[in-house]
Amino acid sequence: MSRAVEAPPLQLAPMTERDGQAICTWRYPEPYHLFKWPDWDDMVREEKEFADPELRRLQYLAVRNAADDSLVGYVQLFPMERTIRLGMGLRPDCCDRGWGAHLTRLVVQEASRRQPEAEIDLEVEQWNRRAIRAYEKAGFVVTDQYERRASHGIVRVNCMVWQGMA
């Protein structure tokens, strides 16, 4: 059940190592429990994603509540040829509050600033209606469906492309 709460003023900031450590501790209720990062020490050992300082600097941003500077989420802007693929997550207690579309629009603005001519897309597992609704509200439409490997197995995903706001 959604607990819509007006989103606080959100801002994107460089992700710190401390932010990455915190994100690795986030655990979501079912069915979202699949979306978890490995233990920070394992990520560092494997130089995985935002545990790699250079990758963190180039692709990841922390999402902060501008009112109190608390970490409320993270985003990834993954550059591909002519496309920027978005990835994002909110802290578990910030989910299901109606903040997703607001965050997604903020991330689209940053992607457009970084690469103005690029297509902006994202992948979302087909069962995740909560995320799909947020992305649709932010101007994304499903353009493709396929299977791909995720950390929790082979999943069916929608590829959604930003079409702008109507």
N, C-alpha and C. Protein backbone atom coordinates (compact mmCIF):
# COMPACT_ATOMS: atom_id res chain seq x y z
N MET A 1 0.84 -1.18 0.00
CA MET A 1 0.00 0.00 0.00
C MET A 1 0.88 1.24 0.00
N SER A 2 0.62 2.17 -0.88
CA SER A 2 1.42 3.37 -1.03
C SER A 2 1.16 4.35 0.10
N ARG A 3 2.23 4.96 0.57
CA ARG A 3 2.13 5.99 1.60
C ARG A 3 2.62 7.30 0.99
N ALA A 4 1.91 7.83 0.02
CA ALA A 4 2.37 9.00 -0.71
C ALA A 4 2.68 10.15 0.25
N VAL A 5 3.88 10.62 0.15
CA VAL A 5 4.37 11.73 0.95
C VAL A 5 5.12 12.63 -0.01
N GLU A 6 4.88 13.91 0.05
CA GLU A 6 5.59 14.81 -0.86
C GLU A 6 7.09 14.59 -0.72
N ALA A 7 7.75 14.45 -1.85
CA ALA A 7 9.19 14.23 -1.85
C ALA A 7 9.90 15.44 -1.26
N PRO A 8 10.91 15.20 -0.44
CA PRO A 8 11.72 16.32 0.04
C PRO A 8 12.51 16.89 -1.12
N PRO A 9 13.10 18.05 -0.94
CA PRO A 9 13.96 18.56 -2.01
C PRO A 9 15.16 17.62 -2.16
N LEU A 10 15.28 17.01 -3.33
CA LEU A 10 16.34 16.05 -3.58
C LEU A 10 17.46 16.72 -4.37
N GLN A 11 18.68 16.31 -4.09
CA GLN A 11 19.82 16.80 -4.87
C GLN A 11 20.78 15.66 -5.12
N LEU A 12 21.45 15.74 -6.26
CA LEU A 12 22.46 14.75 -6.62
C LEU A 12 23.82 15.28 -6.20
N ALA A 13 24.64 14.40 -5.66
CA ALA A 13 25.96 14.79 -5.17
C ALA A 13 26.93 13.64 -5.46
N PRO A 14 28.23 13.94 -5.48
CA PRO A 14 29.19 12.84 -5.65
C PRO A 14 28.97 11.77 -4.58
N MET A 15 29.03 10.50 -4.99
CA MET A 15 28.89 9.41 -4.03
C MET A 15 30.21 9.19 -3.33
N THR A 16 30.17 9.14 -2.02
CA THR A 16 31.38 8.89 -1.23
C THR A 16 31.50 7.41 -0.91
N GLU A 17 32.67 7.02 -0.45
CA GLU A 17 32.87 5.63 -0.01
C GLU A 17 31.90 5.32 1.13
N ARG A 18 31.71 6.26 2.02
CA ARG A 18 30.77 6.06 3.14
C ARG A 18 29.35 5.83 2.63
N ASP A 19 28.95 6.56 1.59
CA ASP A 19 27.63 6.34 0.98
C ASP A 19 27.54 4.91 0.47
N GLY A 20 28.58 4.46 -0.24
CA GLY A 20 28.58 3.11 -0.77
C GLY A 20 28.47 2.06 0.32
N GLN A 21 29.18 2.27 1.40
CA GLN A 21 29.09 1.34 2.53
C GLN A 21 27.67 1.28 3.07
N ALA A 22 27.02 2.42 3.19
CA ALA A 22 25.64 2.47 3.69
C ALA A 22 24.69 1.75 2.74
N ILE A 23 24.83 2.00 1.45
CA ILE A 23 23.95 1.39 0.45
C ILE A 23 24.03 -0.13 0.51
N CYS A 24 25.22 -0.66 0.78
CA CYS A 24 25.39 -2.12 0.86
C CYS A 24 24.64 -2.73 2.05
N THR A 25 24.22 -1.93 3.00
CA THR A 25 23.47 -2.47 4.15
C THR A 25 21.96 -2.41 3.94
N TRP A 26 21.50 -1.75 2.89
CA TRP A 26 20.06 -1.60 2.68
C TRP A 26 19.42 -2.94 2.35
N ARG A 27 18.31 -3.24 3.01
CA ARG A 27 17.55 -4.46 2.76
C ARG A 27 16.08 -4.09 2.61
N TYR A 28 15.48 -4.64 1.58
CA TYR A 28 14.10 -4.32 1.21
C TYR A 28 13.17 -5.47 1.59
N PRO A 29 11.90 -5.16 1.84
CA PRO A 29 10.93 -6.23 2.11
C PRO A 29 10.61 -6.98 0.82
N GLU A 30 10.04 -8.18 0.97
CA GLU A 30 9.61 -8.94 -0.21
C GLU A 30 8.53 -8.15 -0.94
N PRO A 31 8.45 -8.20 -2.23
CA PRO A 31 9.27 -9.00 -3.14
C PRO A 31 10.53 -8.28 -3.59
N TYR A 32 10.80 -7.12 -3.04
CA TYR A 32 11.94 -6.30 -3.47
C TYR A 32 13.26 -6.73 -2.83
N HIS A 33 13.22 -7.72 -1.95
CA HIS A 33 14.40 -8.21 -1.25
C HIS A 33 15.51 -8.68 -2.19
N LEU A 34 15.16 -8.94 -3.44
CA LEU A 34 16.14 -9.36 -4.44
C LEU A 34 17.12 -8.24 -4.78
N PHE A 35 16.70 -6.99 -4.54
CA PHE A 35 17.51 -5.84 -4.91
C PHE A 35 18.41 -5.45 -3.74
N LYS A 36 19.55 -6.09 -3.68
CA LYS A 36 20.51 -5.79 -2.62
C LYS A 36 21.91 -5.89 -3.18
N TRP A 37 22.76 -5.07 -2.65
CA TRP A 37 24.16 -5.09 -3.03
C TRP A 37 24.90 -6.07 -2.13
N PRO A 38 26.00 -6.64 -2.63
CA PRO A 38 26.81 -7.51 -1.77
C PRO A 38 27.42 -6.72 -0.61
N ASP A 39 28.01 -7.43 0.31
CA ASP A 39 28.73 -6.83 1.42
C ASP A 39 29.82 -5.89 0.88
N TRP A 40 30.00 -4.75 1.53
CA TRP A 40 30.97 -3.75 1.07
C TRP A 40 32.37 -4.35 0.90
N ASP A 41 32.84 -5.13 1.87
CA ASP A 41 34.19 -5.69 1.77
C ASP A 41 34.33 -6.59 0.54
N ASP A 42 33.28 -7.34 0.22
CA ASP A 42 33.31 -8.16 -0.99
C ASP A 42 33.34 -7.28 -2.24
N MET A 43 32.58 -6.21 -2.23
CA MET A 43 32.57 -5.31 -3.39
C MET A 43 33.96 -4.69 -3.59
N VAL A 44 34.61 -4.29 -2.50
CA VAL A 44 35.95 -3.70 -2.59
C VAL A 44 36.93 -4.74 -3.12
N ARG A 45 36.88 -5.92 -2.58
CA ARG A 45 37.80 -6.99 -3.00
C ARG A 45 37.65 -7.28 -4.50
N GLU A 46 36.42 -7.25 -4.99
CA GLU A 46 36.15 -7.54 -6.40
C GLU A 46 36.20 -6.28 -7.28
N GLU A 47 36.47 -5.12 -6.67
CA GLU A 47 36.47 -3.83 -7.39
C GLU A 47 35.18 -3.69 -8.20
N LYS A 48 34.07 -3.97 -7.53
CA LYS A 48 32.77 -4.03 -8.17
C LYS A 48 32.01 -2.71 -8.04
N GLU A 49 31.48 -2.25 -9.15
CA GLU A 49 30.59 -1.09 -9.22
C GLU A 49 31.09 0.07 -8.37
N PHE A 50 30.27 0.61 -7.48
CA PHE A 50 30.66 1.84 -6.78
C PHE A 50 31.73 1.62 -5.71
N ALA A 51 32.19 0.39 -5.50
CA ALA A 51 33.34 0.16 -4.63
C ALA A 51 34.64 0.50 -5.35
N ASP A 52 34.60 0.57 -6.67
CA ASP A 52 35.74 1.01 -7.48
C ASP A 52 35.70 2.54 -7.51
N PRO A 53 36.69 3.21 -6.91
CA PRO A 53 36.64 4.67 -6.81
C PRO A 53 36.48 5.40 -8.15
N GLU A 54 37.12 4.89 -9.19
CA GLU A 54 37.02 5.55 -10.49
C GLU A 54 35.63 5.37 -11.10
N LEU A 55 35.11 4.16 -11.03
CA LEU A 55 33.76 3.92 -11.54
C LEU A 55 32.73 4.73 -10.73
N ARG A 56 32.93 4.78 -9.42
CA ARG A 56 32.04 5.57 -8.57
C ARG A 56 32.05 7.04 -9.00
N ARG A 57 33.24 7.57 -9.27
CA ARG A 57 33.37 8.97 -9.67
C ARG A 57 32.71 9.24 -11.02
N LEU A 58 32.87 8.30 -11.96
CA LEU A 58 32.37 8.51 -13.32
C LEU A 58 30.88 8.24 -13.49
N GLN A 59 30.34 7.26 -12.77
CA GLN A 59 28.98 6.80 -13.07
C GLN A 59 27.97 6.95 -11.94
N TYR A 60 28.39 7.07 -10.71
CA TYR A 60 27.46 7.03 -9.59
C TYR A 60 27.32 8.38 -8.90
N LEU A 61 26.10 8.63 -8.42
CA LEU A 61 25.81 9.82 -7.63
C LEU A 61 24.97 9.41 -6.43
N ALA A 62 25.16 10.12 -5.34
CA ALA A 62 24.31 9.95 -4.17
C ALA A 62 23.10 10.85 -4.34
N VAL A 63 21.96 10.41 -3.84
CA VAL A 63 20.76 11.24 -3.80
C VAL A 63 20.60 11.66 -2.34
N ARG A 64 20.57 12.96 -2.13
CA ARG A 64 20.49 13.49 -0.77
C ARG A 64 19.22 14.32 -0.59
N ASN A 65 18.70 14.28 0.62
CA ASN A 65 17.64 15.18 1.02
C ASN A 65 18.32 16.53 1.25
N ALA A 66 18.00 17.51 0.43
CA ALA A 66 18.67 18.81 0.51
C ALA A 66 18.42 19.50 1.84
N ALA A 67 17.34 19.16 2.52
CA ALA A 67 17.01 19.82 3.78
C ALA A 67 17.95 19.42 4.91
N ASP A 68 18.38 18.14 4.93
CA ASP A 68 19.23 17.69 6.04
C ASP A 68 20.48 16.94 5.59
N ASP A 69 20.73 16.87 4.29
CA ASP A 69 21.89 16.22 3.68
C ASP A 69 21.94 14.71 3.91
N SER A 70 20.82 14.10 4.29
CA SER A 70 20.83 12.66 4.51
C SER A 70 20.80 11.91 3.18
N LEU A 71 21.42 10.75 3.16
CA LEU A 71 21.45 9.89 1.98
C LEU A 71 20.10 9.19 1.86
N VAL A 72 19.40 9.42 0.74
CA VAL A 72 18.10 8.79 0.54
C VAL A 72 18.09 7.88 -0.69
N GLY A 73 19.17 7.87 -1.47
CA GLY A 73 19.20 7.01 -2.64
C GLY A 73 20.51 7.14 -3.39
N TYR A 74 20.54 6.48 -4.52
CA TYR A 74 21.72 6.54 -5.39
C TYR A 74 21.25 6.41 -6.82
N VAL A 75 22.10 6.86 -7.75
CA VAL A 75 21.82 6.70 -9.17
C VAL A 75 23.10 6.30 -9.88
N GLN A 76 22.91 5.60 -11.00
CA GLN A 76 24.00 5.29 -11.89
C GLN A 76 23.64 5.84 -13.26
N LEU A 77 24.56 6.50 -13.89
CA LEU A 77 24.41 6.98 -15.26
C LEU A 77 25.47 6.23 -16.08
N PHE A 78 25.03 5.15 -16.72
CA PHE A 78 25.93 4.25 -17.43
C PHE A 78 25.99 4.66 -18.89
N PRO A 79 27.15 5.16 -19.35
CA PRO A 79 27.25 5.60 -20.73
C PRO A 79 27.41 4.43 -21.69
N MET A 80 26.58 4.45 -22.72
CA MET A 80 26.67 3.47 -23.80
C MET A 80 26.83 4.30 -25.08
N GLU A 81 27.02 3.65 -26.19
CA GLU A 81 27.14 4.39 -27.45
C GLU A 81 25.81 5.08 -27.76
N ARG A 82 25.75 6.36 -27.78
CA ARG A 82 24.56 7.18 -28.08
C ARG A 82 23.43 7.05 -27.06
N THR A 83 23.67 6.38 -25.94
CA THR A 83 22.63 6.17 -24.92
C THR A 83 23.24 6.30 -23.53
N ILE A 84 22.46 6.83 -22.61
CA ILE A 84 22.80 6.76 -21.19
C ILE A 84 21.74 5.88 -20.54
N ARG A 85 22.19 4.82 -19.89
CA ARG A 85 21.27 3.92 -19.19
C ARG A 85 21.25 4.31 -17.72
N LEU A 86 20.06 4.52 -17.21
CA LEU A 86 19.89 4.92 -15.82
C LEU A 86 19.67 3.70 -14.93
N GLY A 87 20.19 3.81 -13.73
CA GLY A 87 19.89 2.87 -12.66
C GLY A 87 19.70 3.70 -11.41
N MET A 88 18.79 3.31 -10.56
CA MET A 88 18.56 4.10 -9.35
C MET A 88 17.93 3.27 -8.27
N GLY A 89 18.11 3.72 -7.05
CA GLY A 89 17.49 3.06 -5.92
C GLY A 89 17.27 4.05 -4.80
N LEU A 90 16.19 3.85 -4.08
CA LEU A 90 15.90 4.65 -2.89
C LEU A 90 16.17 3.81 -1.65
N ARG A 91 16.55 4.47 -0.57
CA ARG A 91 16.71 3.80 0.71
C ARG A 91 15.37 3.12 1.05
N PRO A 92 15.40 1.93 1.62
CA PRO A 92 14.15 1.18 1.83
C PRO A 92 13.02 1.96 2.49
N ASP A 93 13.32 2.75 3.50
CA ASP A 93 12.25 3.49 4.18
C ASP A 93 11.74 4.68 3.37
N CYS A 94 12.38 4.97 2.24
CA CYS A 94 11.94 6.06 1.36
C CYS A 94 11.12 5.53 0.17
N CYS A 95 11.02 4.21 0.07
CA CYS A 95 10.25 3.60 -1.03
C CYS A 95 8.76 3.64 -0.72
N ASP A 96 7.99 3.53 -1.79
CA ASP A 96 6.53 3.45 -1.67
C ASP A 96 5.93 4.71 -1.06
N ARG A 97 6.58 5.83 -1.33
CA ARG A 97 6.08 7.12 -0.85
C ARG A 97 5.72 8.06 -2.00
N GLY A 98 5.87 7.57 -3.23
CA GLY A 98 5.56 8.41 -4.38
C GLY A 98 6.70 9.32 -4.82
N TRP A 99 7.93 9.02 -4.38
CA TRP A 99 9.08 9.85 -4.72
C TRP A 99 9.74 9.44 -6.03
N GLY A 100 9.40 8.26 -6.56
CA GLY A 100 10.11 7.69 -7.70
C GLY A 100 10.10 8.55 -8.95
N ALA A 101 8.94 9.10 -9.32
CA ALA A 101 8.87 9.92 -10.54
C ALA A 101 9.69 11.19 -10.37
N HIS A 102 9.64 11.78 -9.19
CA HIS A 102 10.42 12.99 -8.92
C HIS A 102 11.92 12.71 -9.06
N LEU A 103 12.36 11.61 -8.45
CA LEU A 103 13.78 11.24 -8.56
C LEU A 103 14.14 10.95 -10.01
N THR A 104 13.29 10.24 -10.72
CA THR A 104 13.58 9.89 -12.11
C THR A 104 13.72 11.13 -12.97
N ARG A 105 12.85 12.11 -12.79
CA ARG A 105 12.97 13.36 -13.56
C ARG A 105 14.28 14.09 -13.25
N LEU A 106 14.69 14.08 -11.99
CA LEU A 106 15.96 14.70 -11.59
C LEU A 106 17.13 14.01 -12.28
N VAL A 107 17.09 12.67 -12.35
CA VAL A 107 18.17 11.91 -12.97
C VAL A 107 18.19 12.14 -14.48
N VAL A 108 17.01 12.24 -15.10
CA VAL A 108 16.94 12.55 -16.54
C VAL A 108 17.59 13.90 -16.81
N GLN A 109 17.33 14.89 -15.97
CA GLN A 109 17.96 16.22 -16.15
C GLN A 109 19.48 16.10 -16.12
N GLU A 110 20.01 15.32 -15.19
CA GLU A 110 21.46 15.16 -15.09
C GLU A 110 22.01 14.42 -16.31
N ALA A 111 21.33 13.37 -16.75
CA ALA A 111 21.78 12.64 -17.93
C ALA A 111 21.78 13.56 -19.15
N SER A 112 20.74 14.36 -19.31
CA SER A 112 20.66 15.31 -20.44
C SER A 112 21.76 16.35 -20.37
N ARG A 113 22.09 16.78 -19.17
CA ARG A 113 23.18 17.76 -19.01
C ARG A 113 24.51 17.13 -19.41
N ARG A 114 24.74 15.90 -19.02
CA ARG A 114 26.00 15.22 -19.31
C ARG A 114 26.16 14.89 -20.79
N GLN A 115 25.10 14.47 -21.43
CA GLN A 115 25.17 14.02 -22.82
C GLN A 115 23.88 14.44 -23.52
N PRO A 116 23.78 15.71 -23.95
CA PRO A 116 22.51 16.26 -24.45
C PRO A 116 21.89 15.51 -25.62
N GLU A 117 22.68 14.90 -26.48
CA GLU A 117 22.13 14.23 -27.66
C GLU A 117 21.82 12.75 -27.43
N ALA A 118 22.14 12.24 -26.26
CA ALA A 118 21.99 10.80 -26.01
C ALA A 118 20.53 10.43 -25.73
N GLU A 119 20.17 9.23 -26.16
CA GLU A 119 18.91 8.64 -25.74
C GLU A 119 19.07 8.24 -24.27
N ILE A 120 18.01 8.34 -23.51
CA ILE A 120 18.04 7.97 -22.09
C ILE A 120 17.12 6.78 -21.90
N ASP A 121 17.68 5.69 -21.37
CA ASP A 121 16.85 4.51 -21.15
C ASP A 121 17.14 3.89 -19.81
N LEU A 122 16.36 2.87 -19.49
CA LEU A 122 16.56 2.10 -18.27
C LEU A 122 15.93 0.73 -18.46
N GLU A 123 16.33 -0.19 -17.61
CA GLU A 123 15.73 -1.52 -17.60
C GLU A 123 15.01 -1.71 -16.27
N VAL A 124 13.86 -2.37 -16.32
CA VAL A 124 13.10 -2.64 -15.11
C VAL A 124 12.47 -4.03 -15.24
N GLU A 125 12.56 -4.81 -14.18
CA GLU A 125 11.96 -6.14 -14.22
C GLU A 125 10.44 -5.99 -14.39
N GLN A 126 9.88 -6.84 -15.24
CA GLN A 126 8.48 -6.69 -15.64
C GLN A 126 7.49 -6.82 -14.48
N TRP A 127 7.82 -7.54 -13.44
CA TRP A 127 6.91 -7.69 -12.30
C TRP A 127 6.88 -6.45 -11.42
N ASN A 128 7.84 -5.54 -11.57
CA ASN A 128 7.99 -4.40 -10.66
C ASN A 128 7.08 -3.24 -11.09
N ARG A 129 5.78 -3.42 -10.89
CA ARG A 129 4.79 -2.41 -11.31
C ARG A 129 5.02 -1.07 -10.62
N ARG A 130 5.46 -1.09 -9.37
CA ARG A 130 5.69 0.16 -8.64
C ARG A 130 6.72 1.03 -9.37
N ALA A 131 7.82 0.43 -9.78
CA ALA A 131 8.85 1.18 -10.49
C ALA A 131 8.37 1.59 -11.88
N ILE A 132 7.70 0.69 -12.56
CA ILE A 132 7.22 0.99 -13.92
C ILE A 132 6.28 2.20 -13.89
N ARG A 133 5.38 2.26 -12.92
CA ARG A 133 4.47 3.42 -12.80
C ARG A 133 5.26 4.71 -12.59
N ALA A 134 6.26 4.66 -11.75
CA ALA A 134 7.06 5.87 -11.49
C ALA A 134 7.77 6.32 -12.77
N TYR A 135 8.32 5.37 -13.51
CA TYR A 135 9.04 5.72 -14.74
C TYR A 135 8.08 6.26 -15.80
N GLU A 136 6.89 5.68 -15.89
CA GLU A 136 5.90 6.20 -16.83
C GLU A 136 5.50 7.63 -16.47
N LYS A 137 5.31 7.91 -15.19
CA LYS A 137 4.97 9.27 -14.75
C LYS A 137 6.07 10.26 -15.11
N ALA A 138 7.30 9.78 -15.18
CA ALA A 138 8.44 10.65 -15.50
C ALA A 138 8.69 10.77 -17.00
N GLY A 139 7.88 10.11 -17.84
CA GLY A 139 8.00 10.26 -19.28
C GLY A 139 8.65 9.12 -20.02
N PHE A 140 8.79 7.94 -19.39
CA PHE A 140 9.37 6.77 -20.05
C PHE A 140 8.28 5.89 -20.62
N VAL A 141 8.59 5.23 -21.74
CA VAL A 141 7.67 4.26 -22.34
C VAL A 141 8.45 2.97 -22.64
N VAL A 142 7.75 1.84 -22.57
CA VAL A 142 8.36 0.55 -22.87
C VAL A 142 8.60 0.47 -24.38
N THR A 143 9.84 0.16 -24.76
CA THR A 143 10.18 0.03 -26.17
C THR A 143 10.64 -1.38 -26.53
N ASP A 144 10.98 -2.19 -25.53
CA ASP A 144 11.44 -3.54 -25.80
C ASP A 144 11.25 -4.38 -24.55
N GLN A 145 11.18 -5.70 -24.74
CA GLN A 145 11.09 -6.66 -23.64
C GLN A 145 12.02 -7.82 -23.97
N TYR A 146 12.76 -8.29 -22.97
CA TYR A 146 13.70 -9.38 -23.19
C TYR A 146 14.12 -9.97 -21.85
N GLU A 147 14.88 -11.04 -21.93
CA GLU A 147 15.45 -11.67 -20.74
C GLU A 147 16.91 -11.29 -20.64
N ARG A 148 17.38 -11.17 -19.40
CA ARG A 148 18.79 -10.93 -19.16
C ARG A 148 19.17 -11.50 -17.80
N ARG A 149 20.46 -11.68 -17.61
CA ARG A 149 20.96 -12.21 -16.34
C ARG A 149 21.04 -11.07 -15.33
N ALA A 150 20.55 -11.33 -14.13
CA ALA A 150 20.66 -10.41 -12.99
C ALA A 150 21.36 -11.17 -11.87
N SER A 151 21.69 -10.48 -10.80
CA SER A 151 22.36 -11.14 -9.68
C SER A 151 21.51 -12.26 -9.08
N HIS A 152 20.20 -12.20 -9.27
CA HIS A 152 19.29 -13.20 -8.71
C HIS A 152 18.72 -14.14 -9.78
N GLY A 153 19.37 -14.22 -10.94
CA GLY A 153 18.97 -15.17 -11.96
C GLY A 153 18.59 -14.51 -13.27
N ILE A 154 17.98 -15.28 -14.16
CA ILE A 154 17.50 -14.77 -15.45
C ILE A 154 16.16 -14.09 -15.20
N VAL A 155 16.04 -12.84 -15.65
CA VAL A 155 14.82 -12.07 -15.40
C VAL A 155 14.27 -11.51 -16.71
N ARG A 156 12.96 -11.28 -16.73
CA ARG A 156 12.30 -10.62 -17.86
C ARG A 156 12.25 -9.14 -17.54
N VAL A 157 12.76 -8.32 -18.48
CA VAL A 157 12.80 -6.88 -18.26
C VAL A 157 12.11 -6.13 -19.38
N ASN A 158 11.66 -4.95 -19.01
CA ASN A 158 11.22 -3.95 -19.99
C ASN A 158 12.37 -2.98 -20.17
N CYS A 159 12.69 -2.66 -21.41
CA CYS A 159 13.58 -1.54 -21.67
C CYS A 159 12.64 -0.36 -21.89
N MET A 160 12.85 0.72 -21.13
CA MET A 160 12.01 1.90 -21.22
C MET A 160 12.88 3.07 -21.67
N VAL A 161 12.37 3.86 -22.60
CA VAL A 161 13.10 4.99 -23.15
C VAL A 161 12.35 6.27 -22.79
N TRP A 162 13.12 7.27 -22.41
CA TRP A 162 12.51 8.55 -22.04
C TRP A 162 12.03 9.26 -23.30
N GLN A 163 10.76 9.62 -23.30
CA GLN A 163 10.13 10.33 -24.43
C GLN A 163 9.87 11.78 -24.10
N GLY A 164 10.20 12.21 -22.91
CA GLY A 164 9.93 13.59 -22.50
C GLY A 164 8.57 13.68 -21.84
N MET A 165 8.32 14.80 -21.25
CA MET A 165 7.05 15.02 -20.57
C MET A 165 6.00 15.49 -21.55
N ALA A 166 4.82 14.95 -21.42
CA ALA A 166 3.70 15.31 -22.31
C ALA A 166 3.18 16.70 -21.99
